[in-house]
Amino acid sequence: VTRVLIDGDVVAENGRALFDLPPFQFPDW
């Protein structure tokens, strides 16, 4: 795999993601 598009946006190239996942706060339970 050399490139990945999701909804027309390039999100990965040559095995590397081109985006950062936003932090998520899990509930205490």
mmCIF file of all heavy atoms, coordinates in Angstrom:
data_MODEL
# 
_entry.id   MODEL 
# 
loop_
_atom_site.group_PDB 
_atom_site.id 
_atom_site.type_symbol 
_atom_site.label_atom_id 
_atom_site.label_alt_id 
_atom_site.label_comp_id 
_atom_site.label_asym_id 
_atom_site.label_entity_id 
_atom_site.label_seq_id 
_atom_site.pdbx_PDB_ins_code 
_atom_site.Cartn_x 
_atom_site.Cartn_y 
_atom_site.Cartn_z 
_atom_site.occupancy 
_atom_site.B_iso_or_equiv 
_atom_site.pdbx_formal_charge 
_atom_site.auth_seq_id 
_atom_site.auth_comp_id 
_atom_site.auth_asym_id 
_atom_site.auth_atom_id 
_atom_site.pdbx_PDB_model_num 
ATOM 1   N N   . VAL A 1 1  ? 0.850   -1.188 0.000  1.00 0.00 ? 1  VAL A N   1 
ATOM 2   C CA  . VAL A 1 1  ? 0.000   0.000  0.000  1.00 0.00 ? 1  VAL A CA  1 
ATOM 3   C C   . VAL A 1 1  ? 0.890   1.244  0.000  1.00 0.00 ? 1  VAL A C   1 
ATOM 4   O O   . VAL A 1 1  ? 1.743   1.412  0.881  1.00 0.00 ? 1  VAL A O   1 
ATOM 5   C CB  . VAL A 1 1  ? -0.926  0.015  1.221  1.00 0.00 ? 1  VAL A CB  1 
ATOM 6   C CG1 . VAL A 1 1  ? -1.763  1.291  1.250  1.00 0.00 ? 1  VAL A CG1 1 
ATOM 7   C CG2 . VAL A 1 1  ? -1.831  -1.212 1.217  1.00 0.00 ? 1  VAL A CG2 1 
ATOM 8   N N   . THR A 1 2  ? 0.686   2.119  -0.983 1.00 0.00 ? 2  THR A N   1 
ATOM 9   C CA  . THR A 1 2  ? 1.477   3.344  -1.071 1.00 0.00 ? 2  THR A CA  1 
ATOM 10  C C   . THR A 1 2  ? 0.711   4.578  -0.625 1.00 0.00 ? 2  THR A C   1 
ATOM 11  O O   . THR A 1 2  ? 1.307   5.579  -0.226 1.00 0.00 ? 2  THR A O   1 
ATOM 12  C CB  . THR A 1 2  ? 1.967   3.557  -2.514 1.00 0.00 ? 2  THR A CB  1 
ATOM 13  O OG1 . THR A 1 2  ? 0.833   3.657  -3.384 1.00 0.00 ? 2  THR A OG1 1 
ATOM 14  C CG2 . THR A 1 2  ? 2.844   2.390  -2.958 1.00 0.00 ? 2  THR A CG2 1 
ATOM 15  N N   . ARG A 1 3  ? -0.615  4.557  -0.695 1.00 0.00 ? 3  ARG A N   1 
ATOM 16  C CA  . ARG A 1 3  ? -1.416  5.715  -0.317 1.00 0.00 ? 3  ARG A CA  1 
ATOM 17  C C   . ARG A 1 3  ? -2.822  5.245  0.057  1.00 0.00 ? 3  ARG A C   1 
ATOM 18  O O   . ARG A 1 3  ? -3.323  4.280  -0.501 1.00 0.00 ? 3  ARG A O   1 
ATOM 19  C CB  . ARG A 1 3  ? -1.482  6.719  -1.468 1.00 0.00 ? 3  ARG A CB  1 
ATOM 20  C CG  . ARG A 1 3  ? -2.321  7.962  -1.181 1.00 0.00 ? 3  ARG A CG  1 
ATOM 21  C CD  . ARG A 1 3  ? -2.335  8.903  -2.376 1.00 0.00 ? 3  ARG A CD  1 
ATOM 22  N NE  . ARG A 1 3  ? -0.998  9.439  -2.625 1.00 0.00 ? 3  ARG A NE  1 
ATOM 23  C CZ  . ARG A 1 3  ? -0.685  10.179 -3.691 1.00 0.00 ? 3  ARG A CZ  1 
ATOM 24  N NH1 . ARG A 1 3  ? -1.608  10.428 -4.605 1.00 0.00 ? 3  ARG A NH1 1 
ATOM 25  N NH2 . ARG A 1 3  ? 0.537   10.642 -3.840 1.00 0.00 ? 3  ARG A NH2 1 
ATOM 26  N N   . VAL A 1 4  ? -3.432  5.964  1.000  1.00 0.00 ? 4  VAL A N   1 
ATOM 27  C CA  . VAL A 1 4  ? -4.801  5.660  1.424  1.00 0.00 ? 4  VAL A CA  1 
ATOM 28  C C   . VAL A 1 4  ? -5.601  6.948  1.452  1.00 0.00 ? 4  VAL A C   1 
ATOM 29  O O   . VAL A 1 4  ? -5.158  7.957  2.013  1.00 0.00 ? 4  VAL A O   1 
ATOM 30  C CB  . VAL A 1 4  ? -4.840  4.991  2.815  1.00 0.00 ? 4  VAL A CB  1 
ATOM 31  C CG1 . VAL A 1 4  ? -6.283  4.735  3.241  1.00 0.00 ? 4  VAL A CG1 1 
ATOM 32  C CG2 . VAL A 1 4  ? -4.049  3.688  2.819  1.00 0.00 ? 4  VAL A CG2 1 
ATOM 33  N N   . LEU A 1 5  ? -6.786  6.911  0.860  1.00 0.00 ? 5  LEU A N   1 
ATOM 34  C CA  . LEU A 1 5  ? -7.734  8.027  0.917  1.00 0.00 ? 5  LEU A CA  1 
ATOM 35  C C   . LEU A 1 5  ? -8.961  7.605  1.707  1.00 0.00 ? 5  LEU A C   1 
ATOM 36  O O   . LEU A 1 5  ? -9.437  6.469  1.572  1.00 0.00 ? 5  LEU A O   1 
ATOM 37  C CB  . LEU A 1 5  ? -8.189  8.444  -0.486 1.00 0.00 ? 5  LEU A CB  1 
ATOM 38  C CG  . LEU A 1 5  ? -7.371  9.492  -1.248 1.00 0.00 ? 5  LEU A CG  1 
ATOM 39  C CD1 . LEU A 1 5  ? -5.991  8.950  -1.576 1.00 0.00 ? 5  LEU A CD1 1 
ATOM 40  C CD2 . LEU A 1 5  ? -8.094  9.909  -2.523 1.00 0.00 ? 5  LEU A CD2 1 
ATOM 41  N N   . ILE A 1 6  ? -9.480  8.498  2.531  1.00 0.00 ? 6  ILE A N   1 
ATOM 42  C CA  . ILE A 1 6  ? -10.769 8.321  3.191  1.00 0.00 ? 6  ILE A CA  1 
ATOM 43  C C   . ILE A 1 6  ? -11.605 9.555  2.899  1.00 0.00 ? 6  ILE A C   1 
ATOM 44  O O   . ILE A 1 6  ? -11.170 10.690 3.168  1.00 0.00 ? 6  ILE A O   1 
ATOM 45  C CB  . ILE A 1 6  ? -10.625 8.116  4.714  1.00 0.00 ? 6  ILE A CB  1 
ATOM 46  C CG1 . ILE A 1 6  ? -9.865  6.825  5.007  1.00 0.00 ? 6  ILE A CG1 1 
ATOM 47  C CG2 . ILE A 1 6  ? -12.001 8.073  5.378  1.00 0.00 ? 6  ILE A CG2 1 
ATOM 48  C CD1 . ILE A 1 6  ? -9.649  6.552  6.481  1.00 0.00 ? 6  ILE A CD1 1 
ATOM 49  N N   . ASP A 1 7  ? -12.768 9.336  2.306  1.00 0.00 ? 7  ASP A N   1 
ATOM 50  C CA  . ASP A 1 7  ? -13.638 10.452 1.884  1.00 0.00 ? 7  ASP A CA  1 
ATOM 51  C C   . ASP A 1 7  ? -12.886 11.457 1.025  1.00 0.00 ? 7  ASP A C   1 
ATOM 52  O O   . ASP A 1 7  ? -13.109 12.672 1.127  1.00 0.00 ? 7  ASP A O   1 
ATOM 53  C CB  . ASP A 1 7  ? -14.258 11.142 3.102  1.00 0.00 ? 7  ASP A CB  1 
ATOM 54  C CG  . ASP A 1 7  ? -15.374 10.313 3.724  1.00 0.00 ? 7  ASP A CG  1 
ATOM 55  O OD1 . ASP A 1 7  ? -15.998 9.514  2.999  1.00 0.00 ? 7  ASP A OD1 1 
ATOM 56  O OD2 . ASP A 1 7  ? -15.613 10.467 4.938  1.00 0.00 ? 7  ASP A OD2 1 
ATOM 57  N N   . GLY A 1 8  ? -11.972 10.968 0.202  1.00 0.00 ? 8  GLY A N   1 
ATOM 58  C CA  . GLY A 1 8  ? -11.249 11.827 -0.722 1.00 0.00 ? 8  GLY A CA  1 
ATOM 59  C C   . GLY A 1 8  ? -10.027 12.498 -0.160 1.00 0.00 ? 8  GLY A C   1 
ATOM 60  O O   . GLY A 1 8  ? -9.275  13.138 -0.903 1.00 0.00 ? 8  GLY A O   1 
ATOM 61  N N   . ASP A 1 9  ? -9.786  12.372 1.149  1.00 0.00 ? 9  ASP A N   1 
ATOM 62  C CA  . ASP A 1 9  ? -8.616  12.982 1.770  1.00 0.00 ? 9  ASP A CA  1 
ATOM 63  C C   . ASP A 1 9  ? -7.500  11.955 1.905  1.00 0.00 ? 9  ASP A C   1 
ATOM 64  O O   . ASP A 1 9  ? -7.744  10.806 2.312  1.00 0.00 ? 9  ASP A O   1 
ATOM 65  C CB  . ASP A 1 9  ? -8.951  13.527 3.159  1.00 0.00 ? 9  ASP A CB  1 
ATOM 66  C CG  . ASP A 1 9  ? -9.977  14.649 3.104  1.00 0.00 ? 9  ASP A CG  1 
ATOM 67  O OD1 . ASP A 1 9  ? -9.927  15.440 2.133  1.00 0.00 ? 9  ASP A OD1 1 
ATOM 68  O OD2 . ASP A 1 9  ? -10.811 14.735 4.017  1.00 0.00 ? 9  ASP A OD2 1 
ATOM 69  N N   . VAL A 1 10 ? -6.267  12.376 1.576  1.00 0.00 ? 10 VAL A N   1 
ATOM 70  C CA  . VAL A 1 10 ? -5.115  11.499 1.751  1.00 0.00 ? 10 VAL A CA  1 
ATOM 71  C C   . VAL A 1 10 ? -4.805  11.401 3.244  1.00 0.00 ? 10 VAL A C   1 
ATOM 72  O O   . VAL A 1 10 ? -4.486  12.402 3.890  1.00 0.00 ? 10 VAL A O   1 
ATOM 73  C CB  . VAL A 1 10 ? -3.883  12.027 0.986  1.00 0.00 ? 10 VAL A CB  1 
ATOM 74  C CG1 . VAL A 1 10 ? -2.688  11.108 1.219  1.00 0.00 ? 10 VAL A CG1 1 
ATOM 75  C CG2 . VAL A 1 10 ? -4.192  12.139 -0.501 1.00 0.00 ? 10 VAL A CG2 1 
ATOM 76  N N   . VAL A 1 11 ? -4.920  10.197 3.814  1.00 0.00 ? 11 VAL A N   1 
ATOM 77  C CA  . VAL A 1 11 ? -4.712  10.014 5.262  1.00 0.00 ? 11 VAL A CA  1 
ATOM 78  C C   . VAL A 1 11 ? -3.458  9.217  5.586  1.00 0.00 ? 11 VAL A C   1 
ATOM 79  O O   . VAL A 1 11 ? -3.018  9.202  6.730  1.00 0.00 ? 11 VAL A O   1 
ATOM 80  C CB  . VAL A 1 11 ? -5.943  9.322  5.901  1.00 0.00 ? 11 VAL A CB  1 
ATOM 81  C CG1 . VAL A 1 11 ? -7.177  10.203 5.765  1.00 0.00 ? 11 VAL A CG1 1 
ATOM 82  C CG2 . VAL A 1 11 ? -6.180  7.952  5.281  1.00 0.00 ? 11 VAL A CG2 1 
ATOM 83  N N   . ALA A 1 12 ? -2.867  8.569  4.571  1.00 0.00 ? 12 ALA A N   1 
ATOM 84  C CA  . ALA A 1 12 ? -1.638  7.801  4.820  1.00 0.00 ? 12 ALA A CA  1 
ATOM 85  C C   . ALA A 1 12 ? -0.858  7.662  3.528  1.00 0.00 ? 12 ALA A C   1 
ATOM 86  O O   . ALA A 1 12 ? -1.437  7.539  2.448  1.00 0.00 ? 12 ALA A O   1 
ATOM 87  C CB  . ALA A 1 12 ? -1.972  6.424  5.390  1.00 0.00 ? 12 ALA A CB  1 
ATOM 88  N N   . GLU A 1 13 ? 0.466   7.675  3.662  1.00 0.00 ? 13 GLU A N   1 
ATOM 89  C CA  . GLU A 1 13 ? 1.347   7.445  2.521  1.00 0.00 ? 13 GLU A CA  1 
ATOM 90  C C   . GLU A 1 13 ? 2.544   6.640  2.974  1.00 0.00 ? 13 GLU A C   1 
ATOM 91  O O   . GLU A 1 13 ? 3.132   6.917  4.031  1.00 0.00 ? 13 GLU A O   1 
ATOM 92  C CB  . GLU A 1 13 ? 1.808   8.765  1.896  1.00 0.00 ? 13 GLU A CB  1 
ATOM 93  C CG  . GLU A 1 13 ? 0.768   9.427  1.004  1.00 0.00 ? 13 GLU A CG  1 
ATOM 94  C CD  . GLU A 1 13 ? 1.334   10.589 0.209  1.00 0.00 ? 13 GLU A CD  1 
ATOM 95  O OE1 . GLU A 1 13 ? 2.067   11.399 0.812  1.00 0.00 ? 13 GLU A OE1 1 
ATOM 96  O OE2 . GLU A 1 13 ? 1.052   10.678 -0.996 1.00 0.00 ? 13 GLU A OE2 1 
ATOM 97  N N   . ASN A 1 14 ? 2.874   5.626  2.189  1.00 0.00 ? 14 ASN A N   1 
ATOM 98  C CA  . ASN A 1 14 ? 4.064   4.809  2.430  1.00 0.00 ? 14 ASN A CA  1 
ATOM 99  C C   . ASN A 1 14 ? 4.131   4.299  3.866  1.00 0.00 ? 14 ASN A C   1 
ATOM 100 O O   . ASN A 1 14 ? 5.169   4.338  4.522  1.00 0.00 ? 14 ASN A O   1 
ATOM 101 C CB  . ASN A 1 14 ? 5.328   5.603  2.082  1.00 0.00 ? 14 ASN A CB  1 
ATOM 102 C CG  . ASN A 1 14 ? 5.352   6.003  0.615  1.00 0.00 ? 14 ASN A CG  1 
ATOM 103 O OD1 . ASN A 1 14 ? 5.028   5.201  -0.256 1.00 0.00 ? 14 ASN A OD1 1 
ATOM 104 N ND2 . ASN A 1 14 ? 5.716   7.253  0.346  1.00 0.00 ? 14 ASN A ND2 1 
ATOM 105 N N   . GLY A 1 15 ? 2.999   3.834  4.364  1.00 0.00 ? 15 GLY A N   1 
ATOM 106 C CA  . GLY A 1 15 ? 2.967   3.201  5.673  1.00 0.00 ? 15 GLY A CA  1 
ATOM 107 C C   . GLY A 1 15 ? 2.892   4.137  6.853  1.00 0.00 ? 15 GLY A C   1 
ATOM 108 O O   . GLY A 1 15 ? 2.975   3.680  8.006  1.00 0.00 ? 15 GLY A O   1 
ATOM 109 N N   . ARG A 1 16 ? 2.732   5.433  6.622  1.00 0.00 ? 16 ARG A N   1 
ATOM 110 C CA  . ARG A 1 16 ? 2.676   6.385  7.721  1.00 0.00 ? 16 ARG A CA  1 
ATOM 111 C C   . ARG A 1 16 ? 1.372   7.172  7.687  1.00 0.00 ? 16 ARG A C   1 
ATOM 112 O O   . ARG A 1 16 ? 0.971   7.668  6.630  1.00 0.00 ? 16 ARG A O   1 
ATOM 113 C CB  . ARG A 1 16 ? 3.856   7.377  7.631  1.00 0.00 ? 16 ARG A CB  1 
ATOM 114 C CG  . ARG A 1 16 ? 5.224   6.715  7.769  1.00 0.00 ? 16 ARG A CG  1 
ATOM 115 C CD  . ARG A 1 16 ? 5.439   6.177  9.174  1.00 0.00 ? 16 ARG A CD  1 
ATOM 116 N NE  . ARG A 1 16 ? 6.732   5.497  9.302  1.00 0.00 ? 16 ARG A NE  1 
ATOM 117 C CZ  . ARG A 1 16 ? 7.133   4.855  10.393 1.00 0.00 ? 16 ARG A CZ  1 
ATOM 118 N NH1 . ARG A 1 16 ? 6.320   4.805  11.446 1.00 0.00 ? 16 ARG A NH1 1 
ATOM 119 N NH2 . ARG A 1 16 ? 8.302   4.259  10.434 1.00 0.00 ? 16 ARG A NH2 1 
ATOM 120 N N   . ALA A 1 17 ? 0.734   7.298  8.840  1.00 0.00 ? 17 ALA A N   1 
ATOM 121 C CA  . ALA A 1 17 ? -0.484  8.102  8.923  1.00 0.00 ? 17 ALA A CA  1 
ATOM 122 C C   . ALA A 1 17 ? -0.135  9.576  8.817  1.00 0.00 ? 17 ALA A C   1 
ATOM 123 O O   . ALA A 1 17 ? 0.908   10.026 9.325  1.00 0.00 ? 17 ALA A O   1 
ATOM 124 C CB  . ALA A 1 17 ? -1.206  7.822  10.237 1.00 0.00 ? 17 ALA A CB  1 
ATOM 125 N N   . LEU A 1 18 ? -0.977  10.335 8.168  1.00 0.00 ? 18 LEU A N   1 
ATOM 126 C CA  . LEU A 1 18 ? -0.772  11.766 7.985  1.00 0.00 ? 18 LEU A CA  1 
ATOM 127 C C   . LEU A 1 18 ? -1.687  12.587 8.882  1.00 0.00 ? 18 LEU A C   1 
ATOM 128 O O   . LEU A 1 18 ? -1.936  13.759 8.626  1.00 0.00 ? 18 LEU A O   1 
ATOM 129 C CB  . LEU A 1 18 ? -1.007  12.142 6.516  1.00 0.00 ? 18 LEU A CB  1 
ATOM 130 C CG  . LEU A 1 18 ? -0.129  11.410 5.492  1.00 0.00 ? 18 LEU A CG  1 
ATOM 131 C CD1 . LEU A 1 18 ? -0.461  11.878 4.080  1.00 0.00 ? 18 LEU A CD1 1 
ATOM 132 C CD2 . LEU A 1 18 ? 1.349   11.610 5.794  1.00 0.00 ? 18 LEU A CD2 1 
ATOM 133 N N   . PHE A 1 19 ? -2.177  11.974 9.943  1.00 0.00 ? 19 PHE A N   1 
ATOM 134 C CA  . PHE A 1 19 ? -3.072  12.672 10.860 1.00 0.00 ? 19 PHE A CA  1 
ATOM 135 C C   . PHE A 1 19 ? -2.734  12.268 12.284 1.00 0.00 ? 19 PHE A C   1 
ATOM 136 O O   . PHE A 1 19 ? -2.087  11.238 12.520 1.00 0.00 ? 19 PHE A O   1 
ATOM 137 C CB  . PHE A 1 19 ? -4.533  12.315 10.567 1.00 0.00 ? 19 PHE A CB  1 
ATOM 138 C CG  . PHE A 1 19 ? -4.833  10.839 10.702 1.00 0.00 ? 19 PHE A CG  1 
ATOM 139 C CD1 . PHE A 1 19 ? -5.276  10.309 11.909 1.00 0.00 ? 19 PHE A CD1 1 
ATOM 140 C CD2 . PHE A 1 19 ? -4.646  9.972  9.637  1.00 0.00 ? 19 PHE A CD2 1 
ATOM 141 C CE1 . PHE A 1 19 ? -5.533  8.958  12.051 1.00 0.00 ? 19 PHE A CE1 1 
ATOM 142 C CE2 . PHE A 1 19 ? -4.900  8.614  9.762  1.00 0.00 ? 19 PHE A CE2 1 
ATOM 143 C CZ  . PHE A 1 19 ? -5.349  8.118  10.969 1.00 0.00 ? 19 PHE A CZ  1 
ATOM 144 N N   . ASP A 1 20 ? -3.132  13.080 13.224 1.00 0.00 ? 20 ASP A N   1 
ATOM 145 C CA  . ASP A 1 20 ? -2.965  12.782 14.645 1.00 0.00 ? 20 ASP A CA  1 
ATOM 146 C C   . ASP A 1 20 ? -4.333  12.516 15.248 1.00 0.00 ? 20 ASP A C   1 
ATOM 147 O O   . ASP A 1 20 ? -5.303  13.226 14.966 1.00 0.00 ? 20 ASP A O   1 
ATOM 148 C CB  . ASP A 1 20 ? -2.311  13.960 15.375 1.00 0.00 ? 20 ASP A CB  1 
ATOM 149 C CG  . ASP A 1 20 ? -0.882  14.198 14.917 1.00 0.00 ? 20 ASP A CG  1 
ATOM 150 O OD1 . ASP A 1 20 ? -0.162  13.202 14.729 1.00 0.00 ? 20 ASP A OD1 1 
ATOM 151 O OD2 . ASP A 1 20 ? -0.509  15.375 14.738 1.00 0.00 ? 20 ASP A OD2 1 
ATOM 152 N N   . LEU A 1 21 ? -4.394  11.499 16.072 1.00 0.00 ? 21 LEU A N   1 
ATOM 153 C CA  . LEU A 1 21 ? -5.648  11.205 16.752 1.00 0.00 ? 21 LEU A CA  1 
ATOM 154 C C   . LEU A 1 21 ? -5.840  12.187 17.905 1.00 0.00 ? 21 LEU A C   1 
ATOM 155 O O   . LEU A 1 21 ? -4.923  12.387 18.710 1.00 0.00 ? 21 LEU A O   1 
ATOM 156 C CB  . LEU A 1 21 ? -5.654  9.779  17.289 1.00 0.00 ? 21 LEU A CB  1 
ATOM 157 C CG  . LEU A 1 21 ? -5.774  8.658  16.250 1.00 0.00 ? 21 LEU A CG  1 
ATOM 158 C CD1 . LEU A 1 21 ? -5.608  7.305  16.927 1.00 0.00 ? 21 LEU A CD1 1 
ATOM 159 C CD2 . LEU A 1 21 ? -7.119  8.727  15.543 1.00 0.00 ? 21 LEU A CD2 1 
ATOM 160 N N   . PRO A 1 22 ? -6.993  12.808 18.013 1.00 0.00 ? 22 PRO A N   1 
ATOM 161 C CA  . PRO A 1 22 ? -7.220  13.723 19.136 1.00 0.00 ? 22 PRO A CA  1 
ATOM 162 C C   . PRO A 1 22 ? -7.302  12.940 20.444 1.00 0.00 ? 22 PRO A C   1 
ATOM 163 O O   . PRO A 1 22 ? -7.697  11.769 20.465 1.00 0.00 ? 22 PRO A O   1 
ATOM 164 C CB  . PRO A 1 22 ? -8.572  14.369 18.790 1.00 0.00 ? 22 PRO A CB  1 
ATOM 165 C CG  . PRO A 1 22 ? -9.258  13.362 17.914 1.00 0.00 ? 22 PRO A CG  1 
ATOM 166 C CD  . PRO A 1 22 ? -8.163  12.706 17.131 1.00 0.00 ? 22 PRO A CD  1 
ATOM 167 N N   . PRO A 1 23 ? -6.925  13.562 21.548 1.00 0.00 ? 23 PRO A N   1 
ATOM 168 C CA  . PRO A 1 23 ? -7.026  12.871 22.842 1.00 0.00 ? 23 PRO A CA  1 
ATOM 169 C C   . PRO A 1 23 ? -8.476  12.586 23.186 1.00 0.00 ? 23 PRO A C   1 
ATOM 170 O O   . PRO A 1 23 ? -9.386  13.319 22.781 1.00 0.00 ? 23 PRO A O   1 
ATOM 171 C CB  . PRO A 1 23 ? -6.390  13.860 23.821 1.00 0.00 ? 23 PRO A CB  1 
ATOM 172 C CG  . PRO A 1 23 ? -6.524  15.186 23.154 1.00 0.00 ? 23 PRO A CG  1 
ATOM 173 C CD  . PRO A 1 23 ? -6.413  14.933 21.687 1.00 0.00 ? 23 PRO A CD  1 
ATOM 174 N N   . PHE A 1 24 ? -8.674  11.516 23.938 1.00 0.00 ? 24 PHE A N   1 
ATOM 175 C CA  . PHE A 1 24 ? -10.028 11.139 24.345 1.00 0.00 ? 24 PHE A CA  1 
ATOM 176 C C   . PHE A 1 24 ? -10.013 10.831 25.828 1.00 0.00 ? 24 PHE A C   1 
ATOM 177 O O   . PHE A 1 24 ? -9.147  10.089 26.314 1.00 0.00 ? 24 PHE A O   1 
ATOM 178 C CB  . PHE A 1 24 ? -10.520 9.927  23.558 1.00 0.00 ? 24 PHE A CB  1 
ATOM 179 C CG  . PHE A 1 24 ? -11.942 9.533  23.884 1.00 0.00 ? 24 PHE A CG  1 
ATOM 180 C CD1 . PHE A 1 24 ? -13.006 10.176 23.288 1.00 0.00 ? 24 PHE A CD1 1 
ATOM 181 C CD2 . PHE A 1 24 ? -12.204 8.522  24.805 1.00 0.00 ? 24 PHE A CD2 1 
ATOM 182 C CE1 . PHE A 1 24 ? -14.318 9.832  23.592 1.00 0.00 ? 24 PHE A CE1 1 
ATOM 183 C CE2 . PHE A 1 24 ? -13.506 8.174  25.118 1.00 0.00 ? 24 PHE A CE2 1 
ATOM 184 C CZ  . PHE A 1 24 ? -14.563 8.830  24.501 1.00 0.00 ? 24 PHE A CZ  1 
ATOM 185 N N   . GLN A 1 25 ? -10.958 11.384 26.551 1.00 0.00 ? 25 GLN A N   1 
ATOM 186 C CA  . GLN A 1 25 ? -11.059 11.154 27.986 1.00 0.00 ? 25 GLN A CA  1 
ATOM 187 C C   . GLN A 1 25 ? -12.073 10.051 28.251 1.00 0.00 ? 25 GLN A C   1 
ATOM 188 O O   . GLN A 1 25 ? -13.272 10.238 28.051 1.00 0.00 ? 25 GLN A O   1 
ATOM 189 C CB  . GLN A 1 25 ? -11.486 12.439 28.701 1.00 0.00 ? 25 GLN A CB  1 
ATOM 190 C CG  . GLN A 1 25 ? -11.507 12.312 30.218 1.00 0.00 ? 25 GLN A CG  1 
ATOM 191 C CD  . GLN A 1 25 ? -10.126 12.069 30.806 1.00 0.00 ? 25 GLN A CD  1 
ATOM 192 O OE1 . GLN A 1 25 ? -9.160  12.711 30.415 1.00 0.00 ? 25 GLN A OE1 1 
ATOM 193 N NE2 . GLN A 1 25 ? -10.034 11.133 31.737 1.00 0.00 ? 25 GLN A NE2 1 
ATOM 194 N N   . PHE A 1 26 ? -11.584 8.898  28.697 1.00 0.00 ? 26 PHE A N   1 
ATOM 195 C CA  . PHE A 1 26 ? -12.489 7.795  28.996 1.00 0.00 ? 26 PHE A CA  1 
ATOM 196 C C   . PHE A 1 26 ? -13.147 8.018  30.354 1.00 0.00 ? 26 PHE A C   1 
ATOM 197 O O   . PHE A 1 26 ? -12.511 8.521  31.285 1.00 0.00 ? 26 PHE A O   1 
ATOM 198 C CB  . PHE A 1 26 ? -11.727 6.464  29.013 1.00 0.00 ? 26 PHE A CB  1 
ATOM 199 C CG  . PHE A 1 26 ? -11.270 6.014  27.666 1.00 0.00 ? 26 PHE A CG  1 
ATOM 200 C CD1 . PHE A 1 26 ? -10.018 6.365  27.195 1.00 0.00 ? 26 PHE A CD1 1 
ATOM 201 C CD2 . PHE A 1 26 ? -12.091 5.247  26.858 1.00 0.00 ? 26 PHE A CD2 1 
ATOM 202 C CE1 . PHE A 1 26 ? -9.587  5.956  25.940 1.00 0.00 ? 26 PHE A CE1 1 
ATOM 203 C CE2 . PHE A 1 26 ? -11.678 4.838  25.605 1.00 0.00 ? 26 PHE A CE2 1 
ATOM 204 C CZ  . PHE A 1 26 ? -10.423 5.193  25.141 1.00 0.00 ? 26 PHE A CZ  1 
ATOM 205 N N   . PRO A 1 27 ? -14.405 7.629  30.500 1.00 0.00 ? 27 PRO A N   1 
ATOM 206 C CA  . PRO A 1 27 ? -15.064 7.770  31.809 1.00 0.00 ? 27 PRO A CA  1 
ATOM 207 C C   . PRO A 1 27 ? -14.431 6.851  32.843 1.00 0.00 ? 27 PRO A C   1 
ATOM 208 O O   . PRO A 1 27 ? -13.828 5.827  32.511 1.00 0.00 ? 27 PRO A O   1 
ATOM 209 C CB  . PRO A 1 27 ? -16.511 7.373  31.514 1.00 0.00 ? 27 PRO A CB  1 
ATOM 210 C CG  . PRO A 1 27 ? -16.453 6.551  30.263 1.00 0.00 ? 27 PRO A CG  1 
ATOM 211 C CD  . PRO A 1 27 ? -15.297 7.084  29.467 1.00 0.00 ? 27 PRO A CD  1 
ATOM 212 N N   . ASP A 1 28 ? -14.600 7.224  34.107 1.00 0.00 ? 28 ASP A N   1 
ATOM 213 C CA  . ASP A 1 28 ? -13.966 6.475  35.196 1.00 0.00 ? 28 ASP A CA  1 
ATOM 214 C C   . ASP A 1 28 ? -14.390 5.012  35.215 1.00 0.00 ? 28 ASP A C   1 
ATOM 215 O O   . ASP A 1 28 ? -13.591 4.132  35.546 1.00 0.00 ? 28 ASP A O   1 
ATOM 216 C CB  . ASP A 1 28 ? -14.291 7.124  36.536 1.00 0.00 ? 28 ASP A CB  1 
ATOM 217 C CG  . ASP A 1 28 ? -13.514 8.418  36.754 1.00 0.00 ? 28 ASP A CG  1 
ATOM 218 O OD1 . ASP A 1 28 ? -12.533 8.650  36.014 1.00 0.00 ? 28 ASP A OD1 1 
ATOM 219 O OD2 . ASP A 1 28 ? -13.887 9.185  37.658 1.00 0.00 ? 28 ASP A OD2 1 
ATOM 220 N N   . TRP A 1 29 ? -15.644 4.732  34.871 1.00 0.00 ? 29 TRP A N   1 
ATOM 221 C CA  . TRP A 1 29 ? -16.107 3.339  34.954 1.00 0.00 ? 29 TRP A CA  1 
ATOM 222 C C   . TRP A 1 29 ? -15.392 2.455  33.933 1.00 0.00 ? 29 TRP A C   1 
ATOM 223 O O   . TRP A 1 29 ? -15.333 1.229  34.105 1.00 0.00 ? 29 TRP A O   1 
ATOM 224 C CB  . TRP A 1 29 ? -17.617 3.247  34.793 1.00 0.00 ? 29 TRP A CB  1 
ATOM 225 C CG  . TRP A 1 29 ? -18.154 3.667  33.456 1.00 0.00 ? 29 TRP A CG  1 
ATOM 226 C CD1 . TRP A 1 29 ? -18.578 4.915  33.089 1.00 0.00 ? 29 TRP A CD1 1 
ATOM 227 C CD2 . TRP A 1 29 ? -18.331 2.839  32.302 1.00 0.00 ? 29 TRP A CD2 1 
ATOM 228 N NE1 . TRP A 1 29 ? -19.011 4.916  31.781 1.00 0.00 ? 29 TRP A NE1 1 
ATOM 229 C CE2 . TRP A 1 29 ? -18.872 3.656  31.269 1.00 0.00 ? 29 TRP A CE2 1 
ATOM 230 C CE3 . TRP A 1 29 ? -18.095 1.495  32.037 1.00 0.00 ? 29 TRP A CE3 1 
ATOM 231 C CZ2 . TRP A 1 29 ? -19.171 3.164  30.004 1.00 0.00 ? 29 TRP A CZ2 1 
ATOM 232 C CZ3 . TRP A 1 29 ? -18.394 0.997  30.773 1.00 0.00 ? 29 TRP A CZ3 1 
ATOM 233 C CH2 . TRP A 1 29 ? -18.926 1.820  29.771 1.00 0.00 ? 29 TRP A CH2 1 
# 
